[in-house]
Amino acid sequence: MRFDGKSATIFVAILLVIVSLVAFLLATRPEPVSETREIQPARVETVTVSATTLKPLRLFHGRVEPRFRSLLHFEVEGRVTEIHVVAGDRVSQGAVLVSIDDADYRDQLTEAELALEQEKRSFERDRALLEVARENSVLAQREVDRLSRLGSKLASESALDDAQQSKSQFRSEVLR
């Protein structure tokens, strides 16, 4: 690569600026500060030890067994989530010994409550339908009575038969 006179001068000027900038930064950099801390002496307690012979008062060999053993049974099964007593604790009748995860039982209870609610609604609906059927049966009986009173003068036999059939249908609905 060839430089003409002007390019070489610019190159040398840039090079001088860079070198002088580096020299300036090196000359003005801060001195590293070294920190020295004084170490505090550790606090020590001393005790004078003397040699003595230690003899056990009594030495026993044996096996410890509980005075009473209890066989436990649980009314429901499940995963134990918490143990409230440890071996050797005294417990009284009715005390909670362990807790089990009751999520399945809560789900079953919720399902049973929903089924009960649905049956209650169904019962109320059936009660209302029974009341309507009773009212229709009473109305059909009145119609039969009215047509019977009119007799053959104004009512046809087929109208009387239709009214009696209607009465029978409503009566069967009431009996269901």
N, C-alpha and C. Protein backbone atom coordinates (compact mmCIF):
# COMPACT_ATOMS: atom_id res chain seq x y z
N MET A 1 0.84 -1.16 0.00
CA MET A 1 0.00 0.00 0.00
C MET A 1 0.89 1.24 0.00
N ARG A 2 0.61 2.17 -0.86
CA ARG A 2 1.45 3.37 -0.98
C ARG A 2 0.72 4.57 -0.42
N PHE A 3 1.47 5.37 0.25
CA PHE A 3 0.91 6.60 0.80
C PHE A 3 1.50 7.77 0.04
N ASP A 4 0.69 8.68 -0.30
CA ASP A 4 1.24 9.92 -0.85
C ASP A 4 1.57 10.83 0.32
N GLY A 5 2.07 11.94 0.12
CA GLY A 5 2.58 12.81 1.18
C GLY A 5 1.50 13.25 2.15
N LYS A 6 0.34 13.61 1.63
CA LYS A 6 -0.74 14.09 2.48
C LYS A 6 -1.30 12.96 3.34
N SER A 7 -1.50 11.76 2.77
CA SER A 7 -2.03 10.61 3.50
C SER A 7 -1.06 10.17 4.58
N ALA A 8 0.22 10.19 4.28
CA ALA A 8 1.22 9.79 5.26
C ALA A 8 1.21 10.76 6.43
N THR A 9 1.05 12.04 6.18
CA THR A 9 1.03 13.04 7.24
C THR A 9 -0.18 12.83 8.15
N ILE A 10 -1.34 12.57 7.55
CA ILE A 10 -2.56 12.32 8.33
C ILE A 10 -2.40 11.05 9.17
N PHE A 11 -1.83 10.01 8.57
CA PHE A 11 -1.61 8.75 9.28
C PHE A 11 -0.70 8.95 10.48
N VAL A 12 0.41 9.67 10.27
CA VAL A 12 1.36 9.92 11.35
C VAL A 12 0.71 10.77 12.43
N ALA A 13 -0.13 11.76 12.05
CA ALA A 13 -0.79 12.63 13.03
C ALA A 13 -1.76 11.82 13.88
N ILE A 14 -2.53 10.92 13.26
CA ILE A 14 -3.48 10.08 14.01
C ILE A 14 -2.72 9.15 14.94
N LEU A 15 -1.62 8.58 14.44
CA LEU A 15 -0.81 7.68 15.25
C LEU A 15 -0.24 8.43 16.46
N LEU A 16 0.22 9.66 16.27
CA LEU A 16 0.75 10.46 17.38
C LEU A 16 -0.33 10.79 18.40
N VAL A 17 -1.54 11.09 17.92
CA VAL A 17 -2.64 11.39 18.84
C VAL A 17 -2.97 10.16 19.69
N ILE A 18 -3.00 8.98 19.08
CA ILE A 18 -3.32 7.74 19.80
C ILE A 18 -2.24 7.43 20.82
N VAL A 19 -0.96 7.54 20.40
CA VAL A 19 0.15 7.24 21.31
C VAL A 19 0.14 8.22 22.48
N SER A 20 -0.08 9.51 22.20
CA SER A 20 -0.07 10.49 23.29
C SER A 20 -1.28 10.28 24.21
N LEU A 21 -2.44 9.86 23.68
CA LEU A 21 -3.62 9.58 24.50
C LEU A 21 -3.34 8.40 25.43
N VAL A 22 -2.71 7.34 24.92
CA VAL A 22 -2.36 6.17 25.74
C VAL A 22 -1.36 6.58 26.81
N ALA A 23 -0.36 7.39 26.45
CA ALA A 23 0.64 7.83 27.43
C ALA A 23 -0.01 8.68 28.51
N PHE A 24 -0.97 9.54 28.12
CA PHE A 24 -1.66 10.39 29.08
C PHE A 24 -2.48 9.55 30.06
N LEU A 25 -3.21 8.55 29.54
CA LEU A 25 -4.02 7.69 30.40
C LEU A 25 -3.15 6.89 31.36
N LEU A 26 -1.99 6.41 30.88
CA LEU A 26 -1.11 5.65 31.76
C LEU A 26 -0.50 6.55 32.83
N ALA A 27 -0.20 7.79 32.48
CA ALA A 27 0.43 8.70 33.43
C ALA A 27 -0.56 9.18 34.49
N THR A 28 -1.84 9.29 34.14
CA THR A 28 -2.82 9.85 35.08
C THR A 28 -3.67 8.79 35.77
N ARG A 29 -3.38 7.53 35.58
CA ARG A 29 -4.21 6.50 36.22
C ARG A 29 -4.00 6.55 37.73
N PRO A 30 -5.04 6.24 38.48
CA PRO A 30 -4.92 6.32 39.94
C PRO A 30 -4.08 5.16 40.48
N GLU A 31 -3.41 5.45 41.57
CA GLU A 31 -2.58 4.43 42.22
C GLU A 31 -3.50 3.44 42.93
N PRO A 32 -3.20 2.17 42.86
CA PRO A 32 -4.04 1.21 43.60
C PRO A 32 -3.86 1.43 45.10
N VAL A 33 -4.98 1.47 45.79
CA VAL A 33 -4.96 1.70 47.23
C VAL A 33 -4.99 0.34 47.91
N SER A 34 -4.01 0.09 48.72
CA SER A 34 -4.00 -1.19 49.42
C SER A 34 -4.52 -0.95 50.83
N GLU A 35 -5.49 -1.76 51.20
CA GLU A 35 -6.08 -1.62 52.52
C GLU A 35 -5.49 -2.68 53.43
N THR A 36 -5.08 -2.24 54.55
CA THR A 36 -4.59 -3.20 55.54
C THR A 36 -5.47 -3.07 56.76
N ARG A 37 -5.96 -4.19 57.18
CA ARG A 37 -6.81 -4.18 58.36
C ARG A 37 -6.06 -4.86 59.49
N GLU A 38 -6.32 -4.35 60.63
CA GLU A 38 -5.68 -4.93 61.79
C GLU A 38 -6.53 -6.11 62.26
N ILE A 39 -5.91 -7.23 62.46
CA ILE A 39 -6.63 -8.43 62.89
C ILE A 39 -6.79 -8.38 64.40
N GLN A 40 -8.04 -8.54 64.82
CA GLN A 40 -8.33 -8.54 66.25
C GLN A 40 -7.93 -9.88 66.83
N PRO A 41 -7.32 -9.88 67.97
CA PRO A 41 -6.95 -11.16 68.58
C PRO A 41 -8.20 -11.92 69.01
N ALA A 42 -8.18 -13.23 68.86
CA ALA A 42 -9.31 -14.07 69.22
C ALA A 42 -9.39 -14.21 70.73
N ARG A 43 -10.61 -14.24 71.24
CA ARG A 43 -10.82 -14.38 72.67
C ARG A 43 -10.78 -15.87 73.01
N VAL A 44 -10.00 -16.23 73.97
CA VAL A 44 -9.80 -17.63 74.32
C VAL A 44 -9.99 -17.79 75.82
N GLU A 45 -10.72 -18.83 76.20
CA GLU A 45 -10.85 -19.16 77.61
C GLU A 45 -10.09 -20.45 77.85
N THR A 46 -9.40 -20.51 78.92
CA THR A 46 -8.63 -21.72 79.22
C THR A 46 -9.17 -22.36 80.48
N VAL A 47 -9.05 -23.67 80.53
CA VAL A 47 -9.48 -24.45 81.68
C VAL A 47 -8.37 -25.42 82.01
N THR A 48 -8.10 -25.55 83.28
CA THR A 48 -7.08 -26.51 83.71
C THR A 48 -7.74 -27.87 83.83
N VAL A 49 -7.16 -28.86 83.20
CA VAL A 49 -7.72 -30.20 83.18
C VAL A 49 -6.85 -31.10 84.04
N SER A 50 -7.51 -31.91 84.82
CA SER A 50 -6.74 -32.88 85.62
C SER A 50 -7.22 -34.28 85.27
N ALA A 51 -6.38 -35.23 85.36
CA ALA A 51 -6.71 -36.61 85.02
C ALA A 51 -7.41 -37.27 86.19
N THR A 52 -8.56 -37.89 85.92
CA THR A 52 -9.29 -38.66 86.93
C THR A 52 -9.79 -39.94 86.28
N THR A 53 -10.06 -40.91 87.07
CA THR A 53 -10.60 -42.17 86.56
C THR A 53 -12.11 -42.15 86.75
N LEU A 54 -12.83 -42.36 85.67
CA LEU A 54 -14.29 -42.37 85.72
C LEU A 54 -14.77 -43.81 85.71
N LYS A 55 -15.63 -44.13 86.62
CA LYS A 55 -16.21 -45.46 86.67
C LYS A 55 -17.72 -45.31 86.55
N PRO A 56 -18.34 -46.13 85.70
CA PRO A 56 -19.80 -46.06 85.62
C PRO A 56 -20.40 -46.54 86.95
N LEU A 57 -21.48 -45.91 87.33
CA LEU A 57 -22.10 -46.31 88.58
C LEU A 57 -22.66 -47.73 88.48
N ARG A 58 -23.43 -47.99 87.42
CA ARG A 58 -23.99 -49.32 87.18
C ARG A 58 -24.05 -49.56 85.69
N LEU A 59 -23.91 -50.76 85.31
CA LEU A 59 -23.95 -51.14 83.90
C LEU A 59 -25.00 -52.23 83.75
N PHE A 60 -26.00 -52.00 82.89
CA PHE A 60 -27.07 -52.97 82.68
C PHE A 60 -27.14 -53.35 81.22
N HIS A 61 -27.51 -54.58 81.00
CA HIS A 61 -27.78 -55.06 79.65
C HIS A 61 -29.21 -55.57 79.64
N GLY A 62 -29.92 -55.29 78.59
CA GLY A 62 -31.29 -55.78 78.55
C GLY A 62 -32.04 -55.22 77.36
N ARG A 63 -33.32 -55.45 77.40
CA ARG A 63 -34.17 -55.01 76.31
C ARG A 63 -35.41 -54.35 76.91
N VAL A 64 -35.77 -53.22 76.40
CA VAL A 64 -36.92 -52.49 76.92
C VAL A 64 -38.13 -52.83 76.05
N GLU A 65 -39.21 -53.23 76.70
CA GLU A 65 -40.45 -53.53 75.99
C GLU A 65 -41.56 -52.71 76.61
N PRO A 66 -42.54 -52.33 75.81
CA PRO A 66 -43.65 -51.55 76.36
C PRO A 66 -44.49 -52.40 77.31
N ARG A 67 -45.07 -51.75 78.28
CA ARG A 67 -45.92 -52.45 79.23
C ARG A 67 -47.22 -52.90 78.57
N PHE A 68 -47.75 -52.05 77.70
CA PHE A 68 -48.99 -52.37 76.99
C PHE A 68 -48.74 -52.26 75.50
N ARG A 69 -49.37 -53.13 74.76
CA ARG A 69 -49.34 -53.03 73.30
C ARG A 69 -50.77 -52.78 72.84
N SER A 70 -50.91 -51.92 71.87
CA SER A 70 -52.23 -51.61 71.35
C SER A 70 -52.28 -51.94 69.87
N LEU A 71 -53.32 -52.63 69.49
CA LEU A 71 -53.56 -52.88 68.08
C LEU A 71 -54.53 -51.82 67.60
N LEU A 72 -54.15 -51.11 66.59
CA LEU A 72 -54.96 -50.01 66.09
C LEU A 72 -55.68 -50.43 64.82
N HIS A 73 -56.86 -49.94 64.64
CA HIS A 73 -57.56 -50.11 63.37
C HIS A 73 -58.23 -48.76 63.05
N PHE A 74 -58.38 -48.54 61.78
CA PHE A 74 -58.90 -47.26 61.33
C PHE A 74 -60.20 -47.49 60.57
N GLU A 75 -61.13 -46.58 60.72
CA GLU A 75 -62.42 -46.72 60.07
C GLU A 75 -62.33 -46.46 58.57
N VAL A 76 -61.41 -45.62 58.17
CA VAL A 76 -61.23 -45.33 56.74
C VAL A 76 -59.76 -45.46 56.41
N GLU A 77 -59.49 -45.67 55.16
CA GLU A 77 -58.10 -45.77 54.74
C GLU A 77 -57.71 -44.51 53.99
N GLY A 78 -56.43 -44.24 53.95
CA GLY A 78 -55.95 -43.06 53.24
C GLY A 78 -54.47 -42.87 53.50
N ARG A 79 -53.93 -41.85 52.84
CA ARG A 79 -52.51 -41.54 52.97
C ARG A 79 -52.31 -40.67 54.22
N VAL A 80 -51.39 -41.08 55.09
CA VAL A 80 -51.11 -40.34 56.32
C VAL A 80 -50.41 -39.04 55.97
N THR A 81 -50.95 -37.93 56.46
CA THR A 81 -50.35 -36.62 56.18
C THR A 81 -49.63 -36.06 57.40
N GLU A 82 -50.04 -36.49 58.60
CA GLU A 82 -49.41 -35.95 59.80
C GLU A 82 -49.55 -36.96 60.93
N ILE A 83 -48.47 -37.13 61.70
CA ILE A 83 -48.48 -38.01 62.87
C ILE A 83 -48.42 -37.11 64.10
N HIS A 84 -49.41 -37.23 64.97
CA HIS A 84 -49.54 -36.33 66.11
C HIS A 84 -48.86 -36.84 67.38
N VAL A 85 -48.51 -38.11 67.44
CA VAL A 85 -47.88 -38.67 68.64
C VAL A 85 -46.67 -39.49 68.23
N VAL A 86 -45.79 -39.71 69.19
CA VAL A 86 -44.62 -40.56 68.94
C VAL A 86 -44.68 -41.72 69.93
N ALA A 87 -43.87 -42.73 69.67
CA ALA A 87 -43.86 -43.90 70.53
C ALA A 87 -43.54 -43.47 71.96
N GLY A 88 -44.32 -43.98 72.90
CA GLY A 88 -44.10 -43.66 74.30
C GLY A 88 -44.99 -42.56 74.83
N ASP A 89 -45.64 -41.80 73.95
CA ASP A 89 -46.55 -40.74 74.41
C ASP A 89 -47.79 -41.37 75.05
N ARG A 90 -48.30 -40.73 76.07
CA ARG A 90 -49.56 -41.17 76.66
C ARG A 90 -50.68 -40.52 75.87
N VAL A 91 -51.67 -41.32 75.55
CA VAL A 91 -52.82 -40.81 74.81
C VAL A 91 -54.09 -41.22 75.53
N SER A 92 -55.13 -40.46 75.34
CA SER A 92 -56.41 -40.79 75.94
C SER A 92 -57.39 -41.19 74.85
N GLN A 93 -58.48 -41.79 75.27
CA GLN A 93 -59.47 -42.25 74.30
C GLN A 93 -60.01 -41.06 73.52
N GLY A 94 -60.09 -41.23 72.22
CA GLY A 94 -60.60 -40.18 71.35
C GLY A 94 -59.55 -39.20 70.87
N ALA A 95 -58.31 -39.34 71.33
CA ALA A 95 -57.24 -38.43 70.90
C ALA A 95 -56.89 -38.71 69.44
N VAL A 96 -56.55 -37.67 68.71
CA VAL A 96 -56.15 -37.82 67.31
C VAL A 96 -54.70 -38.28 67.28
N LEU A 97 -54.47 -39.43 66.66
CA LEU A 97 -53.12 -39.97 66.57
C LEU A 97 -52.46 -39.59 65.26
N VAL A 98 -53.20 -39.73 64.17
CA VAL A 98 -52.67 -39.39 62.84
C VAL A 98 -53.76 -38.68 62.06
N SER A 99 -53.35 -37.92 61.08
CA SER A 99 -54.29 -37.29 60.15
C SER A 99 -54.05 -37.89 58.79
N ILE A 100 -55.15 -38.10 58.06
CA ILE A 100 -55.02 -38.64 56.71
C ILE A 100 -55.49 -37.61 55.70
N ASP A 101 -55.08 -37.80 54.47
CA ASP A 101 -55.49 -36.91 53.38
C ASP A 101 -56.96 -37.18 53.11
N ASP A 102 -57.79 -36.18 53.32
CA ASP A 102 -59.23 -36.38 53.18
C ASP A 102 -59.79 -35.82 51.88
N ALA A 103 -58.95 -35.59 50.90
CA ALA A 103 -59.41 -35.00 49.63
C ALA A 103 -60.43 -35.91 48.94
N ASP A 104 -60.18 -37.23 48.92
CA ASP A 104 -61.11 -38.15 48.27
C ASP A 104 -62.46 -38.14 48.98
N TYR A 105 -62.44 -38.09 50.30
CA TYR A 105 -63.68 -38.10 51.06
C TYR A 105 -64.44 -36.79 50.90
N ARG A 106 -63.71 -35.68 50.80
CA ARG A 106 -64.38 -34.40 50.54
C ARG A 106 -65.03 -34.41 49.16
N ASP A 107 -64.35 -35.00 48.17
CA ASP A 107 -64.93 -35.10 46.83
C ASP A 107 -66.19 -35.95 46.85
N GLN A 108 -66.16 -37.08 47.57
CA GLN A 108 -67.34 -37.94 47.67
C GLN A 108 -68.48 -37.21 48.36
N LEU A 109 -68.15 -36.44 49.40
CA LEU A 109 -69.18 -35.68 50.11
C LEU A 109 -69.80 -34.64 49.18
N THR A 110 -68.97 -33.95 48.40
CA THR A 110 -69.49 -32.96 47.47
C THR A 110 -70.41 -33.61 46.45
N GLU A 111 -70.00 -34.77 45.91
CA GLU A 111 -70.84 -35.48 44.94
C GLU A 111 -72.16 -35.90 45.58
N ALA A 112 -72.11 -36.40 46.81
CA ALA A 112 -73.34 -36.82 47.49
C ALA A 112 -74.25 -35.62 47.75
N GLU A 113 -73.68 -34.48 48.14
CA GLU A 113 -74.49 -33.29 48.38
C GLU A 113 -75.15 -32.82 47.09
N LEU A 114 -74.39 -32.87 45.98
CA LEU A 114 -74.96 -32.47 44.68
C LEU A 114 -76.07 -33.42 44.26
N ALA A 115 -75.88 -34.73 44.47
CA ALA A 115 -76.91 -35.71 44.12
C ALA A 115 -78.15 -35.48 44.98
N LEU A 116 -77.97 -35.19 46.27
CA LEU A 116 -79.10 -34.92 47.15
C LEU A 116 -79.86 -33.68 46.67
N GLU A 117 -79.13 -32.65 46.32
CA GLU A 117 -79.77 -31.42 45.83
C GLU A 117 -80.57 -31.69 44.55
N GLN A 118 -80.00 -32.50 43.67
CA GLN A 118 -80.70 -32.84 42.43
C GLN A 118 -81.97 -33.64 42.73
N GLU A 119 -81.88 -34.57 43.67
CA GLU A 119 -83.06 -35.36 44.04
C GLU A 119 -84.12 -34.47 44.68
N LYS A 120 -83.71 -33.49 45.48
CA LYS A 120 -84.68 -32.57 46.08
C LYS A 120 -85.42 -31.79 45.00
N ARG A 121 -84.64 -31.30 44.01
CA ARG A 121 -85.28 -30.56 42.90
C ARG A 121 -86.24 -31.46 42.13
N SER A 122 -85.82 -32.70 41.89
CA SER A 122 -86.67 -33.66 41.18
C SER A 122 -87.95 -33.93 41.98
N PHE A 123 -87.80 -34.07 43.29
CA PHE A 123 -88.96 -34.31 44.16
C PHE A 123 -89.93 -33.13 44.09
N GLU A 124 -89.40 -31.92 44.16
CA GLU A 124 -90.25 -30.72 44.09
C GLU A 124 -90.96 -30.63 42.74
N ARG A 125 -90.24 -30.97 41.68
CA ARG A 125 -90.85 -30.95 40.34
C ARG A 125 -91.97 -31.98 40.27
N ASP A 126 -91.72 -33.19 40.80
CA ASP A 126 -92.75 -34.23 40.78
C ASP A 126 -93.94 -33.83 41.64
N ARG A 127 -93.68 -33.16 42.76
CA ARG A 127 -94.78 -32.71 43.62
C ARG A 127 -95.64 -31.70 42.86
N ALA A 128 -94.99 -30.78 42.14
CA ALA A 128 -95.74 -29.78 41.37
C ALA A 128 -96.54 -30.45 40.26
N LEU A 129 -95.93 -31.44 39.58
CA LEU A 129 -96.65 -32.16 38.53
C LEU A 129 -97.84 -32.93 39.11
N LEU A 130 -97.69 -33.50 40.30
CA LEU A 130 -98.79 -34.22 40.95
C LEU A 130 -99.93 -33.26 41.26
N GLU A 131 -99.59 -32.07 41.72
CA GLU A 131 -100.62 -31.08 42.03
C GLU A 131 -101.39 -30.69 40.77
N VAL A 132 -100.65 -30.50 39.66
CA VAL A 132 -101.30 -30.17 38.38
C VAL A 132 -102.18 -31.33 37.94
N ALA A 133 -101.71 -32.57 38.09
CA ALA A 133 -102.50 -33.73 37.69
C ALA A 133 -103.76 -33.83 38.54
N ARG A 134 -103.66 -33.54 39.84
CA ARG A 134 -104.86 -33.57 40.70
C ARG A 134 -105.87 -32.52 40.26
N GLU A 135 -105.37 -31.32 39.96
CA GLU A 135 -106.27 -30.25 39.50
C GLU A 135 -106.94 -30.65 38.19
N ASN A 136 -106.17 -31.24 37.27
CA ASN A 136 -106.74 -31.68 35.99
C ASN A 136 -107.77 -32.78 36.22
N SER A 137 -107.50 -33.67 37.18
CA SER A 137 -108.45 -34.74 37.48
C SER A 137 -109.75 -34.17 38.02
N VAL A 138 -109.64 -33.17 38.90
CA VAL A 138 -110.84 -32.52 39.44
C VAL A 138 -111.62 -31.85 38.32
N LEU A 139 -110.91 -31.15 37.44
CA LEU A 139 -111.58 -30.49 36.31
C LEU A 139 -112.25 -31.50 35.39
N ALA A 140 -111.58 -32.62 35.14
CA ALA A 140 -112.17 -33.66 34.28
C ALA A 140 -113.41 -34.25 34.94
N GLN A 141 -113.37 -34.44 36.28
CA GLN A 141 -114.55 -34.96 36.99
C GLN A 141 -115.71 -33.98 36.87
N ARG A 142 -115.41 -32.70 37.00
CA ARG A 142 -116.47 -31.68 36.86
C ARG A 142 -117.08 -31.71 35.46
N GLU A 143 -116.22 -31.89 34.47
CA GLU A 143 -116.71 -31.95 33.08
C GLU A 143 -117.60 -33.16 32.88
N VAL A 144 -117.19 -34.31 33.44
CA VAL A 144 -118.01 -35.52 33.33
C VAL A 144 -119.34 -35.29 34.03
N ASP A 145 -119.30 -34.70 35.23
CA ASP A 145 -120.54 -34.44 35.96
C ASP A 145 -121.45 -33.49 35.19
N ARG A 146 -120.87 -32.46 34.61
CA ARG A 146 -121.66 -31.48 33.85
C ARG A 146 -122.32 -32.13 32.64
N LEU A 147 -121.53 -32.92 31.91
CA LEU A 147 -122.09 -33.57 30.72
C LEU A 147 -123.13 -34.62 31.11
N SER A 148 -122.95 -35.25 32.26
CA SER A 148 -123.95 -36.24 32.72
C SER A 148 -125.25 -35.54 33.08
N ARG A 149 -125.16 -34.36 33.69
CA ARG A 149 -126.37 -33.62 34.05
C ARG A 149 -127.12 -33.16 32.81
N LEU A 150 -126.36 -32.74 31.83
CA LEU A 150 -127.01 -32.29 30.60
C LEU A 150 -127.71 -33.46 29.91
N GLY A 151 -127.10 -34.62 30.09
CA GLY A 151 -127.69 -35.81 29.51
C GLY A 151 -127.65 -35.76 28.00
N SER A 152 -128.66 -36.32 27.42
CA SER A 152 -128.68 -36.41 25.96
C SER A 152 -129.25 -35.17 25.32
N LYS A 153 -129.74 -34.23 26.11
CA LYS A 153 -130.34 -33.03 25.53
C LYS A 153 -129.33 -32.22 24.74
N LEU A 154 -128.25 -31.81 25.42
CA LEU A 154 -127.33 -30.90 24.76
C LEU A 154 -125.98 -31.53 24.45
N ALA A 155 -125.58 -32.57 25.17
CA ALA A 155 -124.25 -33.16 25.00
C ALA A 155 -124.35 -34.47 24.24
N SER A 156 -123.40 -34.70 23.38
CA SER A 156 -123.39 -35.96 22.64
C SER A 156 -122.73 -37.03 23.49
N GLU A 157 -122.97 -38.27 23.13
CA GLU A 157 -122.37 -39.39 23.85
C GLU A 157 -120.86 -39.38 23.70
N SER A 158 -120.35 -38.98 22.54
CA SER A 158 -118.90 -38.96 22.32
C SER A 158 -118.23 -37.92 23.21
N ALA A 159 -118.87 -36.78 23.44
CA ALA A 159 -118.30 -35.77 24.32
C ALA A 159 -118.21 -36.32 25.74
N LEU A 160 -119.26 -37.05 26.17
CA LEU A 160 -119.24 -37.66 27.50
C LEU A 160 -118.15 -38.71 27.59
N ASP A 161 -117.99 -39.52 26.54
CA ASP A 161 -116.93 -40.54 26.52
C ASP A 161 -115.55 -39.89 26.57
N ASP A 162 -115.37 -38.82 25.80
CA ASP A 162 -114.08 -38.10 25.82
C ASP A 162 -113.77 -37.56 27.21
N ALA A 163 -114.76 -37.00 27.87
CA ALA A 163 -114.57 -36.45 29.21
C ALA A 163 -114.22 -37.56 30.20
N GLN A 164 -114.88 -38.72 30.08
CA GLN A 164 -114.58 -39.83 30.99
C GLN A 164 -113.17 -40.38 30.73
N GLN A 165 -112.80 -40.43 29.46
CA GLN A 165 -111.44 -40.90 29.13
C GLN A 165 -110.39 -39.92 29.68
N SER A 166 -110.65 -38.65 29.54
CA SER A 166 -109.76 -37.62 30.08
C SER A 166 -109.63 -37.77 31.59
N LYS A 167 -110.76 -38.02 32.24
CA LYS A 167 -110.77 -38.21 33.69
C LYS A 167 -109.92 -39.42 34.07
N SER A 168 -110.03 -40.50 33.33
CA SER A 168 -109.26 -41.71 33.61
C SER A 168 -107.76 -41.47 33.44
N GLN A 169 -107.41 -40.73 32.39
CA GLN A 169 -105.99 -40.43 32.15
C GLN A 169 -105.41 -39.59 33.30
N PHE A 170 -106.14 -38.57 33.71
CA PHE A 170 -105.65 -37.72 34.79
C PHE A 170 -105.57 -38.49 36.11
N ARG A 171 -106.53 -39.39 36.34
CA ARG A 171 -106.50 -40.20 37.56
C ARG A 171 -105.28 -41.12 37.56
N SER A 172 -104.94 -41.70 36.39
CA SER A 172 -103.76 -42.58 36.32
C SER A 172 -102.48 -41.78 36.54
N GLU A 173 -102.45 -40.52 36.09
CA GLU A 173 -101.28 -39.67 36.34
C GLU A 173 -101.12 -39.38 37.83
N VAL A 174 -102.25 -39.18 38.51
CA VAL A 174 -102.20 -38.92 39.95
C VAL A 174 -101.67 -40.15 40.68
N LEU A 175 -102.08 -41.33 40.26
CA LEU A 175 -101.67 -42.56 40.93
C LEU A 175 -100.21 -42.92 40.68
N ARG A 176 -99.66 -42.42 39.60
CA ARG A 176 -98.24 -42.70 39.33
C ARG A 176 -97.43 -41.98 40.33
